N, C-alpha and C. Protein backbone atom coordinates (compact mmCIF):
# COMPACT_ATOMS: atom_id res chain seq x y z
N MET A 1 7.75 -15.91 -1.09
CA MET A 1 8.80 -15.30 -1.90
C MET A 1 8.31 -15.05 -3.32
N ARG A 2 7.60 -16.02 -3.91
CA ARG A 2 7.10 -15.86 -5.27
C ARG A 2 6.07 -14.74 -5.33
N HIS A 3 5.24 -14.64 -4.25
CA HIS A 3 4.24 -13.58 -4.19
C HIS A 3 4.92 -12.21 -4.17
N ARG A 4 5.99 -12.09 -3.38
CA ARG A 4 6.71 -10.82 -3.28
C ARG A 4 7.38 -10.48 -4.59
N THR A 5 7.97 -11.49 -5.25
CA THR A 5 8.62 -11.25 -6.54
C THR A 5 7.62 -10.80 -7.58
N LEU A 6 6.42 -11.41 -7.59
CA LEU A 6 5.39 -11.03 -8.53
C LEU A 6 4.97 -9.59 -8.31
N ARG A 7 4.78 -9.22 -7.04
CA ARG A 7 4.37 -7.85 -6.74
C ARG A 7 5.45 -6.85 -7.19
N SER A 8 6.72 -7.18 -6.96
CA SER A 8 7.80 -6.29 -7.37
C SER A 8 7.81 -6.12 -8.87
N SER A 9 7.55 -7.20 -9.60
CA SER A 9 7.52 -7.14 -11.06
C SER A 9 6.39 -6.25 -11.54
N ILE A 10 5.23 -6.36 -10.88
CA ILE A 10 4.09 -5.53 -11.28
C ILE A 10 4.40 -4.05 -11.07
N TRP A 11 4.99 -3.74 -9.92
CA TRP A 11 5.35 -2.35 -9.66
C TRP A 11 6.34 -1.84 -10.72
N LEU A 12 7.29 -2.67 -11.13
CA LEU A 12 8.27 -2.27 -12.12
C LEU A 12 7.59 -1.99 -13.45
N TRP A 13 6.69 -2.87 -13.89
CA TRP A 13 5.99 -2.65 -15.15
C TRP A 13 5.11 -1.41 -15.10
N LEU A 14 4.49 -1.15 -13.96
CA LEU A 14 3.69 0.07 -13.84
C LEU A 14 4.56 1.31 -13.99
N ALA A 15 5.76 1.26 -13.41
CA ALA A 15 6.68 2.40 -13.53
C ALA A 15 7.12 2.59 -14.98
N LEU A 16 7.44 1.48 -15.65
CA LEU A 16 7.89 1.56 -17.04
C LEU A 16 6.79 2.07 -17.96
N LEU A 17 5.56 1.73 -17.67
CA LEU A 17 4.44 2.14 -18.50
C LEU A 17 3.92 3.54 -18.13
N GLY A 18 4.47 4.06 -17.05
CA GLY A 18 4.04 5.39 -16.63
C GLY A 18 2.68 5.39 -15.96
N LEU A 19 2.25 4.25 -15.43
CA LEU A 19 0.95 4.15 -14.78
C LEU A 19 1.07 4.46 -13.29
N PRO A 20 0.01 4.98 -12.67
CA PRO A 20 0.06 5.33 -11.25
C PRO A 20 0.08 4.09 -10.36
N ALA A 21 1.24 3.76 -9.82
CA ALA A 21 1.37 2.58 -8.96
C ALA A 21 0.51 2.70 -7.72
N THR A 22 0.35 3.94 -7.20
CA THR A 22 -0.47 4.14 -6.02
C THR A 22 -1.90 3.72 -6.27
N SER A 23 -2.42 4.06 -7.42
CA SER A 23 -3.79 3.69 -7.77
C SER A 23 -3.93 2.18 -7.82
N TRP A 24 -2.93 1.50 -8.39
CA TRP A 24 -2.98 0.04 -8.45
C TRP A 24 -2.97 -0.56 -7.06
N ALA A 25 -2.14 -0.01 -6.17
CA ALA A 25 -2.06 -0.53 -4.80
C ALA A 25 -3.38 -0.34 -4.07
N VAL A 26 -4.03 0.80 -4.28
CA VAL A 26 -5.32 1.05 -3.65
C VAL A 26 -6.35 0.03 -4.12
N GLN A 27 -6.35 -0.23 -5.42
CA GLN A 27 -7.30 -1.21 -5.97
C GLN A 27 -7.03 -2.60 -5.42
N GLU A 28 -5.76 -2.98 -5.29
CA GLU A 28 -5.43 -4.30 -4.76
C GLU A 28 -5.84 -4.41 -3.29
N ALA A 29 -5.63 -3.32 -2.53
CA ALA A 29 -6.00 -3.32 -1.12
C ALA A 29 -7.51 -3.48 -0.96
N GLU A 30 -8.27 -2.73 -1.76
CA GLU A 30 -9.71 -2.81 -1.66
C GLU A 30 -10.23 -4.18 -2.09
N ALA A 31 -9.58 -4.78 -3.07
CA ALA A 31 -9.98 -6.12 -3.52
C ALA A 31 -9.74 -7.14 -2.42
N GLN A 32 -8.60 -7.02 -1.71
CA GLN A 32 -8.31 -7.95 -0.63
C GLN A 32 -9.28 -7.77 0.53
N PHE A 33 -9.60 -6.53 0.84
CA PHE A 33 -10.55 -6.25 1.91
C PHE A 33 -11.92 -6.84 1.59
N ALA A 34 -12.39 -6.61 0.38
CA ALA A 34 -13.70 -7.11 -0.02
C ALA A 34 -13.74 -8.64 0.00
N ALA A 35 -12.66 -9.27 -0.46
CA ALA A 35 -12.61 -10.73 -0.49
C ALA A 35 -12.62 -11.30 0.92
N ALA A 36 -11.92 -10.65 1.84
CA ALA A 36 -11.87 -11.13 3.23
C ALA A 36 -13.22 -10.98 3.91
N VAL A 37 -13.90 -9.87 3.66
CA VAL A 37 -15.22 -9.64 4.24
C VAL A 37 -16.22 -10.67 3.71
N ALA A 38 -16.09 -11.03 2.45
CA ALA A 38 -17.02 -11.97 1.83
C ALA A 38 -16.73 -13.43 2.17
N ALA A 39 -15.53 -13.71 2.66
CA ALA A 39 -15.14 -15.10 2.94
C ALA A 39 -15.92 -15.67 4.13
N ARG A 40 -16.08 -16.99 4.14
CA ARG A 40 -16.71 -17.66 5.27
C ARG A 40 -15.61 -18.04 6.26
N PRO A 41 -15.57 -17.38 7.42
CA PRO A 41 -14.44 -17.58 8.34
C PRO A 41 -14.49 -18.90 9.09
N ASP A 42 -13.32 -19.38 9.46
CA ASP A 42 -13.16 -20.58 10.27
C ASP A 42 -12.45 -20.16 11.55
N GLN A 43 -13.17 -20.13 12.67
CA GLN A 43 -12.59 -19.65 13.91
C GLN A 43 -11.49 -20.56 14.44
N GLN A 44 -11.58 -21.85 14.17
CA GLN A 44 -10.53 -22.77 14.63
C GLN A 44 -9.21 -22.47 13.93
N LEU A 45 -9.28 -22.24 12.63
CA LEU A 45 -8.07 -21.85 11.91
C LEU A 45 -7.61 -20.47 12.38
N GLY A 46 -8.57 -19.61 12.67
CA GLY A 46 -8.24 -18.28 13.17
C GLY A 46 -7.49 -18.33 14.49
N GLU A 47 -7.86 -19.27 15.34
CA GLU A 47 -7.17 -19.42 16.62
C GLU A 47 -5.71 -19.80 16.40
N ARG A 48 -5.46 -20.67 15.45
CA ARG A 48 -4.07 -21.05 15.14
C ARG A 48 -3.30 -19.85 14.61
N LEU A 49 -3.91 -19.08 13.72
CA LEU A 49 -3.24 -17.91 13.17
C LEU A 49 -2.97 -16.87 14.25
N PHE A 50 -3.86 -16.79 15.24
CA PHE A 50 -3.71 -15.80 16.30
C PHE A 50 -2.50 -16.05 17.18
N GLN A 51 -1.94 -17.24 17.12
CA GLN A 51 -0.76 -17.54 17.93
C GLN A 51 0.38 -16.57 17.61
N ALA A 52 0.42 -16.07 16.38
CA ALA A 52 1.47 -15.12 16.00
C ALA A 52 1.25 -13.75 16.62
N CYS A 53 0.07 -13.53 17.21
CA CYS A 53 -0.29 -12.22 17.76
C CYS A 53 -0.17 -12.17 19.28
N ILE A 54 -0.08 -13.36 19.90
CA ILE A 54 -0.14 -13.45 21.36
C ILE A 54 1.01 -12.71 22.04
N ALA A 55 2.19 -12.75 21.45
CA ALA A 55 3.35 -12.13 22.09
C ALA A 55 3.11 -10.66 22.41
N CYS A 56 2.33 -9.97 21.59
CA CYS A 56 2.05 -8.55 21.83
C CYS A 56 0.65 -8.33 22.40
N HIS A 57 -0.35 -8.91 21.77
CA HIS A 57 -1.74 -8.65 22.16
C HIS A 57 -2.22 -9.50 23.33
N GLY A 58 -1.44 -10.53 23.70
CA GLY A 58 -1.84 -11.41 24.79
C GLY A 58 -2.78 -12.49 24.31
N ALA A 59 -2.82 -13.59 25.02
CA ALA A 59 -3.66 -14.72 24.63
C ALA A 59 -5.14 -14.37 24.64
N ASP A 60 -5.51 -13.37 25.46
CA ASP A 60 -6.91 -12.96 25.53
C ASP A 60 -7.21 -11.75 24.66
N GLY A 61 -6.19 -11.23 23.95
CA GLY A 61 -6.39 -10.10 23.04
C GLY A 61 -6.63 -8.77 23.70
N THR A 62 -6.26 -8.63 24.98
CA THR A 62 -6.54 -7.39 25.70
C THR A 62 -5.40 -6.37 25.66
N GLY A 63 -4.31 -6.69 24.98
CA GLY A 63 -3.25 -5.71 24.77
C GLY A 63 -2.48 -5.34 26.02
N GLN A 64 -1.99 -4.10 26.03
CA GLN A 64 -1.15 -3.63 27.13
C GLN A 64 -1.61 -2.27 27.62
N ARG A 65 -1.63 -2.10 28.91
CA ARG A 65 -2.08 -0.84 29.51
C ARG A 65 -1.18 0.35 29.18
N ASN A 66 0.10 0.08 28.90
CA ASN A 66 1.04 1.18 28.69
C ASN A 66 0.86 1.88 27.35
N GLY A 67 -0.11 1.43 26.55
CA GLY A 67 -0.40 2.12 25.30
C GLY A 67 0.32 1.60 24.10
N ASP A 68 1.21 0.65 24.29
CA ASP A 68 1.98 0.15 23.17
C ASP A 68 1.16 -0.75 22.26
N VAL A 69 0.21 -1.48 22.84
CA VAL A 69 -0.59 -2.44 22.09
C VAL A 69 -2.06 -2.30 22.47
N PRO A 70 -2.96 -2.19 21.51
CA PRO A 70 -4.38 -2.02 21.84
C PRO A 70 -5.05 -3.32 22.24
N ALA A 71 -6.18 -3.18 22.92
CA ALA A 71 -7.07 -4.31 23.14
C ALA A 71 -7.83 -4.52 21.83
N ILE A 72 -7.79 -5.74 21.32
CA ILE A 72 -8.51 -6.04 20.07
C ILE A 72 -9.60 -7.08 20.27
N ALA A 73 -9.64 -7.72 21.41
CA ALA A 73 -10.66 -8.74 21.69
C ALA A 73 -12.05 -8.16 21.52
N GLY A 74 -12.89 -8.81 20.72
CA GLY A 74 -14.25 -8.36 20.52
C GLY A 74 -14.43 -7.29 19.47
N GLN A 75 -13.34 -6.82 18.89
CA GLN A 75 -13.44 -5.79 17.85
C GLN A 75 -14.16 -6.35 16.62
N TYR A 76 -14.84 -5.47 15.89
CA TYR A 76 -15.59 -5.90 14.71
C TYR A 76 -14.66 -6.54 13.67
N PRO A 77 -15.09 -7.65 13.06
CA PRO A 77 -14.25 -8.30 12.04
C PRO A 77 -13.85 -7.36 10.91
N ARG A 78 -14.77 -6.52 10.44
CA ARG A 78 -14.43 -5.61 9.33
C ARG A 78 -13.36 -4.62 9.73
N VAL A 79 -13.40 -4.20 10.99
CA VAL A 79 -12.38 -3.27 11.48
C VAL A 79 -11.02 -3.96 11.51
N LEU A 80 -10.99 -5.17 12.05
CA LEU A 80 -9.73 -5.91 12.13
C LEU A 80 -9.16 -6.18 10.75
N ILE A 81 -10.02 -6.58 9.83
CA ILE A 81 -9.57 -6.84 8.45
C ILE A 81 -9.05 -5.56 7.82
N ARG A 82 -9.80 -4.47 7.99
CA ARG A 82 -9.38 -3.19 7.40
C ARG A 82 -8.02 -2.77 7.90
N GLN A 83 -7.77 -2.89 9.20
CA GLN A 83 -6.49 -2.46 9.75
C GLN A 83 -5.35 -3.34 9.26
N LEU A 84 -5.57 -4.64 9.19
CA LEU A 84 -4.53 -5.54 8.68
C LEU A 84 -4.21 -5.23 7.21
N VAL A 85 -5.24 -4.98 6.42
CA VAL A 85 -5.02 -4.61 5.02
C VAL A 85 -4.27 -3.29 4.93
N ASP A 86 -4.64 -2.33 5.77
CA ASP A 86 -3.95 -1.04 5.75
C ASP A 86 -2.48 -1.17 6.14
N PHE A 87 -2.19 -2.00 7.13
CA PHE A 87 -0.79 -2.25 7.48
C PHE A 87 -0.05 -2.89 6.31
N HIS A 88 -0.70 -3.81 5.65
CA HIS A 88 -0.07 -4.53 4.54
C HIS A 88 0.28 -3.60 3.38
N PHE A 89 -0.60 -2.64 3.12
CA PHE A 89 -0.41 -1.78 1.95
C PHE A 89 0.09 -0.38 2.30
N GLY A 90 0.61 -0.20 3.51
CA GLY A 90 1.26 1.06 3.87
C GLY A 90 0.33 2.21 4.18
N LYS A 91 -0.96 1.94 4.43
CA LYS A 91 -1.88 3.00 4.79
C LYS A 91 -1.92 3.22 6.31
N ARG A 92 -1.25 2.33 7.03
CA ARG A 92 -1.05 2.51 8.45
C ARG A 92 0.34 2.01 8.78
N TRP A 93 1.05 2.74 9.68
CA TRP A 93 2.46 2.47 9.90
C TRP A 93 2.72 1.89 11.29
N ASP A 94 3.42 0.79 11.31
CA ASP A 94 3.96 0.19 12.54
C ASP A 94 4.85 -0.95 12.09
N VAL A 95 6.12 -0.88 12.45
CA VAL A 95 7.09 -1.86 11.95
C VAL A 95 6.66 -3.28 12.28
N ARG A 96 6.22 -3.51 13.50
CA ARG A 96 5.84 -4.87 13.90
C ARG A 96 4.61 -5.35 13.15
N MET A 97 3.58 -4.50 13.09
CA MET A 97 2.34 -4.92 12.45
C MET A 97 2.50 -5.05 10.94
N GLU A 98 3.32 -4.21 10.34
CA GLU A 98 3.56 -4.34 8.90
C GLU A 98 4.20 -5.68 8.60
N ALA A 99 5.13 -6.11 9.47
CA ALA A 99 5.79 -7.40 9.26
C ALA A 99 4.80 -8.54 9.40
N ILE A 100 3.92 -8.46 10.42
CA ILE A 100 2.92 -9.50 10.63
C ILE A 100 1.94 -9.54 9.46
N ALA A 101 1.46 -8.38 9.04
CA ALA A 101 0.45 -8.32 7.99
C ALA A 101 0.98 -8.81 6.65
N LYS A 102 2.28 -8.69 6.44
CA LYS A 102 2.86 -9.12 5.16
C LYS A 102 3.45 -10.52 5.22
N SER A 103 3.36 -11.15 6.38
CA SER A 103 3.96 -12.47 6.52
C SER A 103 3.04 -13.55 5.97
N HIS A 104 3.59 -14.73 5.76
CA HIS A 104 2.83 -15.82 5.16
C HIS A 104 1.57 -16.20 5.94
N PRO A 105 1.59 -16.25 7.28
CA PRO A 105 0.39 -16.67 8.01
C PRO A 105 -0.84 -15.79 7.75
N LEU A 106 -0.65 -14.55 7.33
CA LEU A 106 -1.77 -13.66 7.04
C LEU A 106 -1.65 -13.10 5.63
N ALA A 107 -1.38 -13.98 4.69
CA ALA A 107 -1.06 -13.54 3.34
C ALA A 107 -2.24 -13.50 2.40
N ASN A 108 -3.41 -14.02 2.80
CA ASN A 108 -4.52 -13.99 1.87
C ASN A 108 -5.82 -13.64 2.59
N ALA A 109 -6.86 -13.39 1.81
CA ALA A 109 -8.13 -12.91 2.33
C ALA A 109 -8.78 -13.91 3.29
N GLN A 110 -8.70 -15.19 2.99
CA GLN A 110 -9.32 -16.20 3.84
C GLN A 110 -8.69 -16.20 5.24
N GLN A 111 -7.38 -16.08 5.31
CA GLN A 111 -6.69 -16.06 6.60
C GLN A 111 -7.04 -14.80 7.39
N LEU A 112 -7.20 -13.69 6.70
CA LEU A 112 -7.62 -12.47 7.37
C LEU A 112 -9.00 -12.65 7.98
N ALA A 113 -9.90 -13.27 7.22
CA ALA A 113 -11.25 -13.51 7.72
C ALA A 113 -11.24 -14.45 8.92
N ASP A 114 -10.40 -15.48 8.87
CA ASP A 114 -10.33 -16.47 9.95
C ASP A 114 -9.87 -15.84 11.25
N VAL A 115 -8.75 -15.11 11.21
CA VAL A 115 -8.21 -14.55 12.44
C VAL A 115 -9.11 -13.44 12.97
N ALA A 116 -9.75 -12.68 12.08
CA ALA A 116 -10.65 -11.62 12.52
C ALA A 116 -11.86 -12.21 13.24
N ALA A 117 -12.38 -13.33 12.74
CA ALA A 117 -13.53 -13.96 13.37
C ALA A 117 -13.18 -14.48 14.76
N TYR A 118 -11.98 -15.03 14.89
CA TYR A 118 -11.56 -15.55 16.20
C TYR A 118 -11.40 -14.42 17.21
N VAL A 119 -10.74 -13.36 16.81
CA VAL A 119 -10.52 -12.23 17.71
C VAL A 119 -11.85 -11.58 18.09
N ASN A 120 -12.76 -11.47 17.16
CA ASN A 120 -14.06 -10.88 17.43
C ASN A 120 -14.82 -11.67 18.50
N ALA A 121 -14.60 -12.98 18.55
CA ALA A 121 -15.32 -13.84 19.50
C ALA A 121 -14.73 -13.78 20.91
N LEU A 122 -13.56 -13.18 21.08
CA LEU A 122 -12.94 -13.09 22.41
C LEU A 122 -13.68 -12.05 23.26
N PRO A 123 -13.82 -12.27 24.57
CA PRO A 123 -14.49 -11.30 25.45
C PRO A 123 -13.75 -9.97 25.46
N ARG A 124 -14.51 -8.90 25.42
CA ARG A 124 -13.89 -7.57 25.41
C ARG A 124 -13.29 -7.20 26.76
N LEU A 125 -12.30 -6.34 26.70
CA LEU A 125 -11.62 -5.84 27.90
C LEU A 125 -12.61 -5.08 28.78
N THR A 126 -12.56 -5.29 30.07
CA THR A 126 -13.45 -4.58 31.00
C THR A 126 -12.69 -3.71 31.99
N ASP A 127 -11.36 -3.78 31.98
CA ASP A 127 -10.58 -3.00 32.95
C ASP A 127 -9.38 -2.36 32.24
N PRO A 128 -9.64 -1.36 31.39
CA PRO A 128 -8.55 -0.75 30.63
C PRO A 128 -7.71 0.21 31.46
N GLY A 129 -6.55 0.59 30.91
CA GLY A 129 -5.78 1.66 31.52
C GLY A 129 -6.55 2.97 31.38
N ARG A 130 -6.55 3.80 32.43
CA ARG A 130 -7.34 5.03 32.45
C ARG A 130 -6.45 6.24 32.63
N GLY A 131 -7.01 7.41 32.31
CA GLY A 131 -6.32 8.67 32.52
C GLY A 131 -6.51 9.15 33.95
N ASP A 132 -6.06 10.41 34.20
CA ASP A 132 -6.14 10.93 35.58
C ASP A 132 -7.44 11.65 35.87
N GLY A 133 -8.29 11.82 34.87
CA GLY A 133 -9.60 12.44 35.09
C GLY A 133 -9.61 13.95 35.07
N GLU A 134 -8.46 14.61 34.97
CA GLU A 134 -8.40 16.06 35.07
C GLU A 134 -9.07 16.77 33.89
N SER A 135 -9.03 16.15 32.72
CA SER A 135 -9.61 16.78 31.53
C SER A 135 -10.84 16.03 31.03
N LEU A 136 -11.46 15.29 31.91
CA LEU A 136 -12.57 14.41 31.52
C LEU A 136 -13.75 15.20 30.97
N ALA A 137 -14.11 16.30 31.59
CA ALA A 137 -15.25 17.10 31.13
C ALA A 137 -15.00 17.68 29.74
N VAL A 138 -13.79 18.16 29.54
CA VAL A 138 -13.41 18.69 28.22
C VAL A 138 -13.46 17.58 27.18
N GLY A 139 -12.94 16.41 27.55
CA GLY A 139 -12.93 15.28 26.63
C GLY A 139 -14.33 14.84 26.24
N MET A 140 -15.25 14.81 27.19
CA MET A 140 -16.62 14.41 26.90
C MET A 140 -17.26 15.40 25.92
N ARG A 141 -17.05 16.68 26.15
CA ARG A 141 -17.63 17.70 25.26
C ARG A 141 -17.07 17.59 23.85
N LEU A 142 -15.75 17.44 23.74
CA LEU A 142 -15.12 17.35 22.42
C LEU A 142 -15.53 16.06 21.70
N TYR A 143 -15.58 14.98 22.44
CA TYR A 143 -15.97 13.72 21.80
C TYR A 143 -17.37 13.83 21.22
N ARG A 144 -18.28 14.36 21.99
CA ARG A 144 -19.67 14.45 21.53
C ARG A 144 -19.83 15.38 20.34
N SER A 145 -19.00 16.43 20.28
CA SER A 145 -19.13 17.39 19.18
C SER A 145 -18.34 16.99 17.94
N GLU A 146 -17.23 16.28 18.10
CA GLU A 146 -16.34 16.00 16.97
C GLU A 146 -16.27 14.54 16.55
N CYS A 147 -16.57 13.62 17.45
CA CYS A 147 -16.30 12.20 17.18
C CYS A 147 -17.54 11.32 17.17
N ALA A 148 -18.57 11.70 17.91
CA ALA A 148 -19.72 10.82 18.10
C ALA A 148 -20.48 10.55 16.82
N SER A 149 -20.46 11.47 15.87
CA SER A 149 -21.21 11.27 14.63
C SER A 149 -20.73 10.05 13.86
N CYS A 150 -19.47 9.67 14.03
CA CYS A 150 -18.95 8.46 13.38
C CYS A 150 -18.80 7.30 14.36
N HIS A 151 -18.19 7.57 15.51
CA HIS A 151 -17.89 6.49 16.46
C HIS A 151 -19.04 6.17 17.41
N GLY A 152 -20.12 6.93 17.32
CA GLY A 152 -21.29 6.63 18.14
C GLY A 152 -21.29 7.34 19.47
N ASP A 153 -22.49 7.61 19.99
CA ASP A 153 -22.62 8.33 21.26
C ASP A 153 -21.91 7.63 22.41
N SER A 154 -21.87 6.30 22.36
CA SER A 154 -21.24 5.55 23.44
C SER A 154 -19.92 4.91 23.00
N GLY A 155 -19.35 5.39 21.90
CA GLY A 155 -18.07 4.87 21.43
C GLY A 155 -18.15 3.49 20.85
N GLN A 156 -19.34 3.10 20.38
CA GLN A 156 -19.54 1.73 19.91
C GLN A 156 -19.12 1.50 18.47
N GLY A 157 -18.80 2.58 17.72
CA GLY A 157 -18.36 2.43 16.34
C GLY A 157 -19.48 1.99 15.41
N ASN A 158 -19.09 1.46 14.25
CA ASN A 158 -20.05 1.02 13.25
C ASN A 158 -19.46 -0.16 12.50
N GLU A 159 -20.01 -1.33 12.73
CA GLU A 159 -19.44 -2.54 12.13
C GLU A 159 -19.49 -2.49 10.61
N HIS A 160 -20.63 -2.09 10.05
CA HIS A 160 -20.78 -2.11 8.60
C HIS A 160 -19.81 -1.15 7.91
N GLU A 161 -19.57 0.00 8.55
CA GLU A 161 -18.67 1.00 7.98
C GLU A 161 -17.22 0.77 8.37
N ALA A 162 -16.93 -0.29 9.09
CA ALA A 162 -15.58 -0.61 9.56
C ALA A 162 -15.00 0.49 10.44
N ILE A 163 -15.87 1.10 11.24
CA ILE A 163 -15.44 2.11 12.20
C ILE A 163 -15.30 1.42 13.56
N PRO A 164 -14.13 1.45 14.18
CA PRO A 164 -13.91 0.66 15.39
C PRO A 164 -14.66 1.18 16.61
N TRP A 165 -15.02 0.26 17.49
CA TRP A 165 -15.48 0.70 18.80
C TRP A 165 -14.25 1.17 19.57
N LEU A 166 -14.41 2.26 20.29
CA LEU A 166 -13.32 2.83 21.08
C LEU A 166 -13.61 2.81 22.57
N ALA A 167 -14.85 2.53 22.93
CA ALA A 167 -15.22 2.49 24.35
C ALA A 167 -14.44 1.41 25.08
N GLY A 168 -13.85 1.79 26.20
CA GLY A 168 -13.11 0.82 27.00
C GLY A 168 -11.76 0.43 26.45
N GLN A 169 -11.25 1.22 25.52
CA GLN A 169 -9.90 0.97 24.99
C GLN A 169 -8.88 1.59 25.95
N HIS A 170 -7.65 1.10 25.92
CA HIS A 170 -6.61 1.63 26.81
C HIS A 170 -6.37 3.12 26.55
N TYR A 171 -6.32 3.90 27.63
CA TYR A 171 -6.10 5.34 27.56
C TYR A 171 -4.82 5.69 26.81
N GLU A 172 -3.72 5.07 27.18
CA GLU A 172 -2.44 5.41 26.58
C GLU A 172 -2.42 5.10 25.09
N TYR A 173 -3.06 4.04 24.68
CA TYR A 173 -3.11 3.70 23.26
C TYR A 173 -3.94 4.73 22.50
N LEU A 174 -5.11 5.08 23.03
CA LEU A 174 -5.95 6.10 22.38
C LEU A 174 -5.19 7.42 22.25
N LEU A 175 -4.49 7.80 23.31
CA LEU A 175 -3.75 9.05 23.30
C LEU A 175 -2.65 9.01 22.24
N ARG A 176 -1.92 7.92 22.18
CA ARG A 176 -0.83 7.79 21.20
C ARG A 176 -1.35 7.86 19.78
N GLU A 177 -2.44 7.16 19.50
CA GLU A 177 -2.95 7.13 18.14
C GLU A 177 -3.52 8.48 17.72
N MET A 178 -4.07 9.23 18.64
CA MET A 178 -4.52 10.58 18.31
C MET A 178 -3.34 11.49 18.01
N TYR A 179 -2.27 11.34 18.78
CA TYR A 179 -1.06 12.11 18.49
C TYR A 179 -0.49 11.72 17.12
N TYR A 180 -0.48 10.45 16.82
CA TYR A 180 -0.01 9.98 15.51
C TYR A 180 -0.83 10.60 14.40
N THR A 181 -2.14 10.63 14.59
CA THR A 181 -3.02 11.21 13.58
C THR A 181 -2.73 12.70 13.40
N PHE A 182 -2.58 13.39 14.50
CA PHE A 182 -2.27 14.82 14.48
C PHE A 182 -0.95 15.09 13.76
N ASP A 183 0.03 14.19 13.94
CA ASP A 183 1.35 14.35 13.34
C ASP A 183 1.46 13.73 11.94
N HIS A 184 0.32 13.38 11.35
CA HIS A 184 0.28 12.80 10.00
C HIS A 184 1.02 11.46 9.93
N ARG A 185 0.93 10.68 11.00
CA ARG A 185 1.54 9.35 11.01
C ARG A 185 0.49 8.23 10.93
N ARG A 186 -0.74 8.62 10.57
CA ARG A 186 -1.80 7.64 10.33
C ARG A 186 -2.40 7.97 8.95
N PRO A 187 -1.77 7.49 7.86
CA PRO A 187 -2.27 7.81 6.52
C PRO A 187 -3.72 7.41 6.28
N ASN A 188 -4.24 6.45 7.04
CA ASN A 188 -5.63 6.04 6.83
C ASN A 188 -6.62 6.90 7.62
N LEU A 189 -6.12 7.95 8.29
CA LEU A 189 -7.00 8.85 9.05
C LEU A 189 -6.79 10.31 8.67
N THR A 190 -6.49 10.56 7.42
CA THR A 190 -6.25 11.94 6.99
C THR A 190 -7.48 12.83 7.17
N ASP A 191 -8.68 12.22 7.15
CA ASP A 191 -9.90 13.01 7.32
C ASP A 191 -10.08 13.51 8.75
N HIS A 192 -9.24 13.03 9.68
CA HIS A 192 -9.33 13.48 11.07
C HIS A 192 -8.50 14.75 11.32
N HIS A 193 -7.66 15.13 10.39
CA HIS A 193 -6.74 16.25 10.62
C HIS A 193 -7.48 17.57 10.83
N ALA A 194 -8.57 17.76 10.10
CA ALA A 194 -9.25 19.06 10.12
C ALA A 194 -9.67 19.48 11.52
N PHE A 195 -10.29 18.57 12.28
CA PHE A 195 -10.75 18.97 13.61
C PHE A 195 -9.68 18.78 14.67
N MET A 196 -8.74 17.85 14.46
CA MET A 196 -7.68 17.66 15.45
C MET A 196 -6.63 18.76 15.41
N ALA A 197 -6.57 19.50 14.33
CA ALA A 197 -5.56 20.56 14.18
C ALA A 197 -5.67 21.60 15.29
N ASN A 198 -6.86 21.75 15.85
CA ASN A 198 -7.07 22.76 16.88
C ASN A 198 -7.05 22.19 18.30
N PHE A 199 -6.76 20.91 18.42
CA PHE A 199 -6.72 20.29 19.75
C PHE A 199 -5.48 20.73 20.53
N ALA A 200 -5.65 21.01 21.80
CA ALA A 200 -4.54 21.24 22.72
C ALA A 200 -4.24 19.90 23.41
N ARG A 201 -3.14 19.85 24.15
CA ARG A 201 -2.75 18.61 24.82
C ARG A 201 -3.86 18.11 25.74
N ALA A 202 -4.46 19.03 26.48
CA ALA A 202 -5.52 18.62 27.40
C ALA A 202 -6.72 18.06 26.66
N ASP A 203 -6.95 18.51 25.43
CA ASP A 203 -8.06 17.99 24.64
C ASP A 203 -7.83 16.53 24.28
N PHE A 204 -6.63 16.23 23.81
CA PHE A 204 -6.30 14.84 23.49
C PHE A 204 -6.44 13.95 24.74
N GLN A 205 -5.90 14.44 25.84
CA GLN A 205 -5.95 13.66 27.07
C GLN A 205 -7.39 13.44 27.52
N GLY A 206 -8.21 14.48 27.39
CA GLY A 206 -9.59 14.38 27.83
C GLY A 206 -10.41 13.40 27.01
N VAL A 207 -10.24 13.44 25.69
CA VAL A 207 -10.99 12.52 24.82
C VAL A 207 -10.57 11.08 25.11
N ALA A 208 -9.27 10.85 25.22
CA ALA A 208 -8.77 9.51 25.51
C ALA A 208 -9.29 9.01 26.85
N ASP A 209 -9.30 9.90 27.84
CA ASP A 209 -9.76 9.53 29.18
C ASP A 209 -11.25 9.19 29.14
N TYR A 210 -12.01 10.01 28.45
CA TYR A 210 -13.47 9.79 28.37
C TYR A 210 -13.77 8.44 27.71
N LEU A 211 -13.10 8.14 26.61
CA LEU A 211 -13.36 6.90 25.90
C LEU A 211 -12.93 5.68 26.71
N SER A 212 -11.80 5.77 27.38
CA SER A 212 -11.33 4.63 28.16
C SER A 212 -12.29 4.28 29.29
N GLY A 213 -13.07 5.26 29.75
CA GLY A 213 -13.98 5.03 30.85
C GLY A 213 -15.37 4.57 30.42
N LEU A 214 -15.65 4.60 29.12
CA LEU A 214 -16.97 4.15 28.66
C LEU A 214 -17.04 2.62 28.71
N PRO A 215 -18.17 2.07 29.11
CA PRO A 215 -18.28 0.61 29.12
C PRO A 215 -18.26 0.05 27.70
N PRO A 216 -17.58 -1.06 27.47
CA PRO A 216 -17.52 -1.63 26.12
C PRO A 216 -18.90 -2.02 25.63
N ALA A 217 -19.15 -1.80 24.36
CA ALA A 217 -20.45 -2.17 23.79
C ALA A 217 -20.64 -3.68 23.85
N PRO A 218 -21.86 -4.14 24.05
CA PRO A 218 -22.11 -5.59 24.12
C PRO A 218 -21.85 -6.26 22.78
């Protein structure tokens, strides 16, 4: 409560002084991300913190096939930290995740580092939800031309750059998040709009299907 009151007071003073509150929020978000990445994680504490995530992500972190919840087991710690920070500071939208990210159990950089380390150590999903295969060839071509330069030829992402691995992720979740990005409902992916603007429905389905079928990176 005191943390929330302090933040509200800072926003008020920024408004009164005519300073860009958005700029301040960006700086605070980046500071929290950097502090969490630099922290020495404790996986045992992370396991305790993860109990708040089990109801949706499952005890094994493999999410849900219906696309509502992603598989996060084995995801890069920097990716997990980045997404939690983005949820906390409004750069990614989801009512449930925003509530979790702003709650006391994940209120500081050390706790973010702890839970990210624990989730990263969980075995990755090997049997994700898949598409129907009808647009698979189109999806492979589009992925290689538009996505592989960042997410990797095999969908393995980039840990240092906090780019998530997408190989072996649930089809329905990948499809939903691409639609969200196309509809400007992913503020942290505005750089994806340029090439997704020309995607047809079959293109989205094909890319999601192709990625869901790739074996997860070791």
